[in-house]
């Protein structure tokens, strides 16, 4: 019986590591926007070449997931034009 439990240890460790990586990734991608107001204005000025909508979006508090989604939407919208 002890031999079978030794075979399960790598599987259990793998599941635990995957669960921990998922938890860390979820937490990192949902952290609040920590840019200062000056950084937000600077990012908005940098985005003016891409349109006023993109520049205004830089002034909002958004999580990294929201920023990635917006970048993907912008990339797919521009390829259809």
PDB file of N, CA and C in Angstrom:
ATOM      1  N   UNK A   1       0.816  -1.189   0.000  1.00  0.00           N
ATOM      2  CA  UNK A   1       0.000   0.000   0.000  1.00  0.00           C
ATOM      3  C   UNK A   1       0.860   1.253   0.000  1.00  0.00           C
ATOM      4  N   UNK A   2       1.996   1.223   0.659  1.00  0.00           N
ATOM      5  CA  UNK A   2       2.874   2.377   0.714  1.00  0.00           C
ATOM      6  C   UNK A   2       3.492   2.668  -0.647  1.00  0.00           C
ATOM      7  N   UNK A   3       3.665   1.649  -1.471  1.00  0.00           N
ATOM      8  CA  UNK A   3       4.249   1.840  -2.793  1.00  0.00           C
ATOM      9  C   UNK A   3       3.307   2.667  -3.664  1.00  0.00           C
ATOM     10  N   UNK A   4       2.013   2.438  -3.599  1.00  0.00           N
ATOM     11  CA  UNK A   4       1.045   3.198  -4.389  1.00  0.00           C
ATOM     12  C   UNK A   4       0.997   4.660  -3.979  1.00  0.00           C
ATOM     13  N   UNK A   5       1.116   4.939  -2.698  1.00  0.00           N
ATOM     14  CA  UNK A   5       1.058   6.327  -2.250  1.00  0.00           C
ATOM     15  C   UNK A   5       2.292   7.104  -2.718  1.00  0.00           C
ATOM     16  N   UNK A   6       3.424   6.444  -2.865  1.00  0.00           N
ATOM     17  CA  UNK A   6       4.622   7.118  -3.376  1.00  0.00           C
ATOM     18  C   UNK A   6       4.459   7.493  -4.842  1.00  0.00           C
ATOM     19  N   UNK A   7       3.688   6.742  -5.608  1.00  0.00           N
ATOM     20  CA  UNK A   7       3.456   7.051  -7.017  1.00  0.00           C
ATOM     21  C   UNK A   7       2.520   8.246  -7.171  1.00  0.00           C
ATOM     22  N   UNK A   8       1.678   8.489  -6.187  1.00  0.00           N
ATOM     23  CA  UNK A   8       0.714   9.589  -6.260  1.00  0.00           C
ATOM     24  C   UNK A   8       1.313  10.934  -5.859  1.00  0.00           C
ATOM     25  N   UNK A   9       2.441  10.926  -5.199  1.00  0.00           N
ATOM     26  CA  UNK A   9       3.039  12.174  -4.717  1.00  0.00           C
ATOM     27  C   UNK A   9       3.351  13.135  -5.861  1.00  0.00           C
ATOM     28  N   UNK A  10       3.995  12.705  -6.967  1.00  0.00           N
ATOM     29  CA  UNK A  10       4.247  13.665  -8.054  1.00  0.00           C
ATOM     30  C   UNK A  10       2.956  14.223  -8.670  1.00  0.00           C
ATOM     31  N   UNK A  11       1.935  13.429  -8.745  1.00  0.00           N
ATOM     32  CA  UNK A  11       0.657  13.892  -9.294  1.00  0.00           C
ATOM     33  C   UNK A  11       0.051  14.948  -8.384  1.00  0.00           C
ATOM     34  N   UNK A  12       0.067  14.683  -7.091  1.00  0.00           N
ATOM     35  CA  UNK A  12      -0.490  15.632  -6.125  1.00  0.00           C
ATOM     36  C   UNK A  12       0.313  16.935  -6.141  1.00  0.00           C
ATOM     37  N   UNK A  13       1.631  16.830  -6.178  1.00  0.00           N
ATOM     38  CA  UNK A  13       2.471  18.028  -6.232  1.00  0.00           C
ATOM     39  C   UNK A  13       2.219  18.821  -7.510  1.00  0.00           C
ATOM     40  N   UNK A  14       2.045  18.133  -8.621  1.00  0.00           N
ATOM     41  CA  UNK A  14       1.743  18.808  -9.880  1.00  0.00           C
ATOM     42  C   UNK A  14       0.442  19.575  -9.817  1.00  0.00           C
ATOM     43  N   UNK A  15      -0.587  18.956  -9.242  1.00  0.00           N
ATOM     44  CA  UNK A  15      -1.884  19.616  -9.114  1.00  0.00           C
ATOM     45  C   UNK A  15      -1.772  20.839  -8.201  1.00  0.00           C
ATOM     46  N   UNK A  16      -1.037  20.716  -7.114  1.00  0.00           N
ATOM     47  CA  UNK A  16      -0.864  21.833  -6.188  1.00  0.00           C
ATOM     48  C   UNK A  16      -0.111  22.982  -6.866  1.00  0.00           C
ATOM     49  N   UNK A  17       0.935  22.668  -7.623  1.00  0.00           N
ATOM     50  CA  UNK A  17       1.712  23.705  -8.308  1.00  0.00           C
ATOM     51  C   UNK A  17       0.845  24.412  -9.354  1.00  0.00           C
ATOM     52  N   UNK A  18       0.082  23.660 -10.123  1.00  0.00           N
ATOM     53  CA  UNK A  18      -0.802  24.261 -11.127  1.00  0.00           C
ATOM     54  C   UNK A  18      -1.851  25.148 -10.461  1.00  0.00           C
ATOM     55  N   UNK A  19      -2.410  24.697  -9.361  1.00  0.00           N
ATOM     56  CA  UNK A  19      -3.403  25.500  -8.645  1.00  0.00           C
ATOM     57  C   UNK A  19      -2.784  26.794  -8.118  1.00  0.00           C
ATOM     58  N   UNK A  20      -1.586  26.720  -7.576  1.00  0.00           N
ATOM     59  CA  UNK A  20      -0.909  27.915  -7.078  1.00  0.00           C
ATOM     60  C   UNK A  20      -0.584  28.888  -8.213  1.00  0.00           C
ATOM     61  N   UNK A  21      -0.120  28.374  -9.343  1.00  0.00           N
ATOM     62  CA  UNK A  21       0.164  29.240 -10.492  1.00  0.00           C
ATOM     63  C   UNK A  21      -1.104  29.917 -10.994  1.00  0.00           C
ATOM     64  N   UNK A  22      -2.194  29.188 -11.015  1.00  0.00           N
ATOM     65  CA  UNK A  22      -3.469  29.770 -11.429  1.00  0.00           C
ATOM     66  C   UNK A  22      -3.917  30.867 -10.482  1.00  0.00           C
ATOM     67  N   UNK A  23      -3.773  30.648  -9.203  1.00  0.00           N
ATOM     68  CA  UNK A  23      -4.151  31.636  -8.198  1.00  0.00           C
ATOM     69  C   UNK A  23      -3.305  32.895  -8.324  1.00  0.00           C
ATOM     70  N   UNK A  24      -2.001  32.731  -8.497  1.00  0.00           N
ATOM     71  CA  UNK A  24      -1.099  33.883  -8.636  1.00  0.00           C
ATOM     72  C   UNK A  24      -1.412  34.647  -9.921  1.00  0.00           C
ATOM     73  N   UNK A  25      -1.642  33.939 -11.019  1.00  0.00           N
ATOM     74  CA  UNK A  25      -1.957  34.597 -12.289  1.00  0.00           C
ATOM     75  C   UNK A  25      -3.270  35.369 -12.185  1.00  0.00           C
ATOM     76  N   UNK A  26      -4.269  34.769 -11.563  1.00  0.00           N
ATOM     77  CA  UNK A  26      -5.557  35.449 -11.385  1.00  0.00           C
ATOM     78  C   UNK A  26      -5.377  36.727 -10.567  1.00  0.00           C
ATOM     79  N   UNK A  27      -4.615  36.639  -9.500  1.00  0.00           N
ATOM     80  CA  UNK A  27      -4.386  37.810  -8.655  1.00  0.00           C
ATOM     81  C   UNK A  27      -3.607  38.893  -9.381  1.00  0.00           C
ATOM     82  N   UNK A  28      -2.600  38.497 -10.162  1.00  0.00           N
ATOM     83  CA  UNK A  28      -1.787  39.482 -10.877  1.00  0.00           C
ATOM     84  C   UNK A  28      -2.581  40.182 -11.972  1.00  0.00           C
ATOM     85  N   UNK A  29      -3.444  39.454 -12.646  1.00  0.00           N
ATOM     86  CA  UNK A  29      -4.196  40.042 -13.750  1.00  0.00           C
ATOM     87  C   UNK A  29      -5.400  40.857 -13.283  1.00  0.00           C
ATOM     88  N   UNK A  30      -5.759  40.763 -12.034  1.00  0.00           N
ATOM     89  CA  UNK A  30      -6.900  41.516 -11.519  1.00  0.00           C
ATOM     90  C   UNK A  30      -6.506  42.556 -10.474  1.00  0.00           C
ATOM     91  N   UNK A  31      -5.234  42.925 -10.455  1.00  0.00           N
ATOM     92  CA  UNK A  31      -4.802  43.974  -9.531  1.00  0.00           C
ATOM     93  C   UNK A  31      -5.327  45.322  -9.999  1.00  0.00           C
ATOM     94  N   UNK A  32      -5.619  46.213  -9.085  1.00  0.00           N
ATOM     95  CA  UNK A  32      -6.110  47.534  -9.490  1.00  0.00           C
ATOM     96  C   UNK A  32      -5.011  48.338 -10.182  1.00  0.00           C
ATOM     97  N   UNK A  33      -5.444  49.313 -10.943  1.00  0.00           N
ATOM     98  CA  UNK A  33      -4.525  50.203 -11.658  1.00  0.00           C
ATOM     99  C   UNK A  33      -3.765  51.044 -10.639  1.00  0.00           C
ATOM    100  N   UNK A  34      -2.451  50.958 -10.643  1.00  0.00           N
ATOM    101  CA  UNK A  34      -1.647  51.660  -9.651  1.00  0.00           C
ATOM    102  C   UNK A  34      -0.854  52.812 -10.264  1.00  0.00           C
ATOM    103  N   UNK A  35      -1.256  53.253 -11.453  1.00  0.00           N
ATOM    104  CA  UNK A  35      -0.563  54.383 -12.078  1.00  0.00           C
ATOM    105  C   UNK A  35      -0.983  55.677 -11.392  1.00  0.00           C
ATOM    106  N   UNK A  36      -0.044  56.597 -11.299  1.00  0.00           N
ATOM    107  CA  UNK A  36      -0.350  57.906 -10.727  1.00  0.00           C
ATOM    108  C   UNK A  36      -1.120  58.723 -11.768  1.00  0.00           C
ATOM    109  N   UNK A  37      -1.789  59.794 -11.333  1.00  0.00           N
ATOM    110  CA  UNK A  37      -2.498  60.639 -12.311  1.00  0.00           C
ATOM    111  C   UNK A  37      -1.571  61.174 -13.400  1.00  0.00           C
ATOM    112  N   UNK A  38      -0.349  61.504 -13.062  1.00  0.00           N
ATOM    113  CA  UNK A  38       0.605  61.978 -14.064  1.00  0.00           C
ATOM    114  C   UNK A  38       0.925  60.914 -15.104  1.00  0.00           C
ATOM    115  N   UNK A  39       1.068  59.662 -14.651  1.00  0.00           N
ATOM    116  CA  UNK A  39       1.333  58.566 -15.584  1.00  0.00           C
ATOM    117  C   UNK A  39       0.137  58.331 -16.500  1.00  0.00           C
ATOM    118  N   UNK A  40      -1.066  58.465 -15.955  1.00  0.00           N
ATOM    119  CA  UNK A  40      -2.275  58.284 -16.767  1.00  0.00           C
ATOM    120  C   UNK A  40      -2.358  59.353 -17.849  1.00  0.00           C
ATOM    121  N   UNK A  41      -2.061  60.594 -17.482  1.00  0.00           N
ATOM    122  CA  UNK A  41      -2.094  61.684 -18.461  1.00  0.00           C
ATOM    123  C   UNK A  41      -1.015  61.457 -19.521  1.00  0.00           C
ATOM    124  N   UNK A  42       0.169  61.039 -19.105  1.00  0.00           N
ATOM    125  CA  UNK A  42       1.247  60.757 -20.049  1.00  0.00           C
ATOM    126  C   UNK A  42       0.870  59.648 -21.026  1.00  0.00           C
ATOM    127  N   UNK A  43       0.242  58.585 -20.511  1.00  0.00           N
ATOM    128  CA  UNK A  43      -0.210  57.494 -21.376  1.00  0.00           C
ATOM    129  C   UNK A  43      -1.295  57.975 -22.336  1.00  0.00           C
ATOM    130  N   UNK A  44      -2.182  58.851 -21.852  1.00  0.00           N
ATOM    131  CA  UNK A  44      -3.241  59.387 -22.709  1.00  0.00           C
ATOM    132  C   UNK A  44      -2.642  60.234 -23.827  1.00  0.00           C
ATOM    133  N   UNK A  45      -1.636  61.027 -23.522  1.00  0.00           N
ATOM    134  CA  UNK A  45      -0.983  61.850 -24.547  1.00  0.00           C
ATOM    135  C   UNK A  45      -0.302  60.952 -25.584  1.00  0.00           C
ATOM    136  N   UNK A  46       0.323  59.883 -25.119  1.00  0.00           N
ATOM    137  CA  UNK A  46       0.971  58.949 -26.039  1.00  0.00           C
ATOM    138  C   UNK A  46      -0.040  58.277 -26.972  1.00  0.00           C
ATOM    139  N   UNK A  47      -1.269  58.094 -26.511  1.00  0.00           N
ATOM    140  CA  UNK A  47      -2.291  57.401 -27.300  1.00  0.00           C
ATOM    141  C   UNK A  47      -3.080  58.325 -28.222  1.00  0.00           C
ATOM    142  N   UNK A  48      -2.832  59.624 -28.171  1.00  0.00           N
ATOM    143  CA  UNK A  48      -3.583  60.560 -29.019  1.00  0.00           C
ATOM    144  C   UNK A  48      -3.429  60.246 -30.508  1.00  0.00           C
ATOM    145  N   UNK A  49      -2.280  59.720 -30.914  1.00  0.00           N
ATOM    146  CA  UNK A  49      -2.087  59.354 -32.318  1.00  0.00           C
ATOM    147  C   UNK A  49      -3.020  58.226 -32.742  1.00  0.00           C
ATOM    148  N   UNK A  50      -3.451  57.410 -31.799  1.00  0.00           N
ATOM    149  CA  UNK A  50      -4.338  56.283 -32.096  1.00  0.00           C
ATOM    150  C   UNK A  50      -5.809  56.648 -31.970  1.00  0.00           C
ATOM    151  N   UNK A  51      -6.114  57.876 -31.644  1.00  0.00           N
ATOM    152  CA  UNK A  51      -7.502  58.316 -31.541  1.00  0.00           C
ATOM    153  C   UNK A  51      -7.829  58.829 -30.155  1.00  0.00           C
ATOM    154  N   UNK A  52      -8.822  59.694 -30.123  1.00  0.00           N
ATOM    155  CA  UNK A  52      -9.236  60.297 -28.858  1.00  0.00           C
ATOM    156  C   UNK A  52      -9.844  59.250 -27.924  1.00  0.00           C
ATOM    157  N   UNK A  53     -10.550  58.267 -28.499  1.00  0.00           N
ATOM    158  CA  UNK A  53     -11.153  57.222 -27.657  1.00  0.00           C
ATOM    159  C   UNK A  53     -10.081  56.440 -26.907  1.00  0.00           C
ATOM    160  N   UNK A  54      -9.002  56.091 -27.585  1.00  0.00           N
ATOM    161  CA  UNK A  54      -7.920  55.360 -26.923  1.00  0.00           C
ATOM    162  C   UNK A  54      -7.241  56.220 -25.867  1.00  0.00           C
ATOM    163  N   UNK A  55      -7.090  57.507 -26.157  1.00  0.00           N
ATOM    164  CA  UNK A  55      -6.469  58.407 -25.186  1.00  0.00           C
ATOM    165  C   UNK A  55      -7.348  58.548 -23.944  1.00  0.00           C
ATOM    166  N   UNK A  56      -8.649  58.689 -24.144  1.00  0.00           N
ATOM    167  CA  UNK A  56      -9.563  58.818 -23.005  1.00  0.00           C
ATOM    168  C   UNK A  56      -9.597  57.543 -22.178  1.00  0.00           C
ATOM    169  N   UNK A  57      -9.451  56.420 -22.826  1.00  0.00           N
ATOM    170  CA  UNK A  57      -9.466  55.128 -22.126  1.00  0.00           C
ATOM    171  C   UNK A  57      -8.278  55.016 -21.173  1.00  0.00           C
ATOM    172  N   UNK A  58      -7.169  55.662 -21.506  1.00  0.00           N
ATOM    173  CA  UNK A  58      -5.983  55.614 -20.655  1.00  0.00           C
ATOM    174  C   UNK A  58      -6.187  56.345 -19.330  1.00  0.00           C
ATOM    175  N   UNK A  59      -7.162  57.224 -19.264  1.00  0.00           N
ATOM    176  CA  UNK A  59      -7.417  57.978 -18.031  1.00  0.00           C
ATOM    177  C   UNK A  59      -8.251  57.190 -17.023  1.00  0.00           C
ATOM    178  N   UNK A  60      -8.833  56.084 -17.455  1.00  0.00           N
ATOM    179  CA  UNK A  60      -9.689  55.274 -16.576  1.00  0.00           C
ATOM    180  C   UNK A  60      -8.852  54.298 -15.766  1.00  0.00           C
ATOM    181  N   UNK A  61      -9.377  53.921 -14.603  1.00  0.00           N
ATOM    182  CA  UNK A  61      -8.760  52.855 -13.810  1.00  0.00           C
ATOM    183  C   UNK A  61      -9.198  51.530 -14.410  1.00  0.00           C
ATOM    184  N   UNK A  62      -8.214  50.757 -14.895  1.00  0.00           N
ATOM    185  CA  UNK A  62      -8.520  49.465 -15.492  1.00  0.00           C
ATOM    186  C   UNK A  62      -7.519  48.429 -15.011  1.00  0.00           C
ATOM    187  N   UNK A  63      -7.980  47.197 -14.888  1.00  0.00           N
ATOM    188  CA  UNK A  63      -7.102  46.095 -14.509  1.00  0.00           C
ATOM    189  C   UNK A  63      -6.296  45.665 -15.724  1.00  0.00           C
ATOM    190  N   UNK A  64      -5.211  44.925 -15.508  1.00  0.00           N
ATOM    191  CA  UNK A  64      -4.446  44.422 -16.647  1.00  0.00           C
ATOM    192  C   UNK A  64      -5.289  43.588 -17.618  1.00  0.00           C
ATOM    193  N   UNK A  65      -6.255  42.838 -17.106  1.00  0.00           N
ATOM    194  CA  UNK A  65      -7.125  42.043 -17.980  1.00  0.00           C
ATOM    195  C   UNK A  65      -7.935  42.963 -18.891  1.00  0.00           C
ATOM    196  N   UNK A  66      -8.455  44.044 -18.355  1.00  0.00           N
ATOM    197  CA  UNK A  66      -9.218  44.992 -19.171  1.00  0.00           C
ATOM    198  C   UNK A  66      -8.324  45.661 -20.213  1.00  0.00           C
ATOM    199  N   UNK A  67      -7.094  45.959 -19.842  1.00  0.00           N
ATOM    200  CA  UNK A  67      -6.166  46.582 -20.789  1.00  0.00           C
ATOM    201  C   UNK A  67      -5.818  45.615 -21.915  1.00  0.00           C
ATOM    202  N   UNK A  68      -5.591  44.356 -21.586  1.00  0.00           N
ATOM    203  CA  UNK A  68      -5.288  43.352 -22.606  1.00  0.00           C
ATOM    204  C   UNK A  68      -6.477  43.163 -23.536  1.00  0.00           C
ATOM    205  N   UNK A  69      -7.680  43.113 -22.963  1.00  0.00           N
ATOM    206  CA  UNK A  69      -8.883  42.964 -23.781  1.00  0.00           C
ATOM    207  C   UNK A  69      -9.035  44.136 -24.744  1.00  0.00           C
ATOM    208  N   UNK A  70      -8.788  45.348 -24.262  1.00  0.00           N
ATOM    209  CA  UNK A  70      -8.874  46.526 -25.127  1.00  0.00           C
ATOM    210  C   UNK A  70      -7.835  46.472 -26.245  1.00  0.00           C
ATOM    211  N   UNK A  71      -6.623  46.016 -25.919  1.00  0.00           N
ATOM    212  CA  UNK A  71      -5.580  45.907 -26.942  1.00  0.00           C
ATOM    213  C   UNK A  71      -5.966  44.883 -28.008  1.00  0.00           C
ATOM    214  N   UNK A  72      -6.550  43.788 -27.585  1.00  0.00           N
ATOM    215  CA  UNK A  72      -6.998  42.769 -28.548  1.00  0.00           C
ATOM    216  C   UNK A  72      -8.127  43.314 -29.404  1.00  0.00           C
ATOM    217  N   UNK A  73      -9.080  43.995 -28.779  1.00  0.00           N
ATOM    218  CA  UNK A  73     -10.183  44.588 -29.545  1.00  0.00           C
ATOM    219  C   UNK A  73      -9.667  45.615 -30.545  1.00  0.00           C
ATOM    220  N   UNK A  74      -8.709  46.444 -30.146  1.00  0.00           N
ATOM    221  CA  UNK A  74      -8.137  47.432 -31.054  1.00  0.00           C
ATOM    222  C   UNK A  74      -7.427  46.751 -32.223  1.00  0.00           C
ATOM    223  N   UNK A  75      -6.714  45.687 -31.938  1.00  0.00           N
ATOM    224  CA  UNK A  75      -5.971  44.978 -32.998  1.00  0.00           C
ATOM    225  C   UNK A  75      -6.919  44.341 -34.001  1.00  0.00           C
ATOM    226  N   UNK A  76      -8.004  43.758 -33.523  1.00  0.00           N
ATOM    227  CA  UNK A  76      -8.931  43.108 -34.448  1.00  0.00           C
ATOM    228  C   UNK A  76      -9.784  44.128 -35.173  1.00  0.00           C
ATOM    229  N   UNK A  77     -10.123  45.253 -34.549  1.00  0.00           N
ATOM    230  CA  UNK A  77     -10.909  46.294 -35.217  1.00  0.00           C
ATOM    231  C   UNK A  77     -10.118  46.946 -36.341  1.00  0.00           C
ATOM    232  N   UNK A  78      -8.841  47.198 -36.112  1.00  0.00           N
ATOM    233  CA  UNK A  78      -8.038  47.886 -37.128  1.00  0.00           C
ATOM    234  C   UNK A  78      -7.760  46.992 -38.322  1.00  0.00           C
ATOM    235  N   UNK A  79      -7.748  45.677 -38.122  1.00  0.00           N
ATOM    236  CA  UNK A  79      -7.474  44.784 -39.253  1.00  0.00           C
ATOM    237  C   UNK A  79      -8.703  44.648 -40.163  1.00  0.00           C
ATOM    238  N   UNK A  80      -9.888  44.997 -39.668  1.00  0.00           N
ATOM    239  CA  UNK A  80     -11.097  44.890 -40.482  1.00  0.00           C
ATOM    240  C   UNK A  80     -11.318  46.116 -41.340  1.00  0.00           C
ATOM    241  N   UNK A  81     -10.630  47.199 -41.059  1.00  0.00           N
ATOM    242  CA  UNK A  81     -10.843  48.439 -41.817  1.00  0.00           C
ATOM    243  C   UNK A  81     -10.097  48.433 -43.112  1.00  0.00           C
TER     244      UNK A  81
END
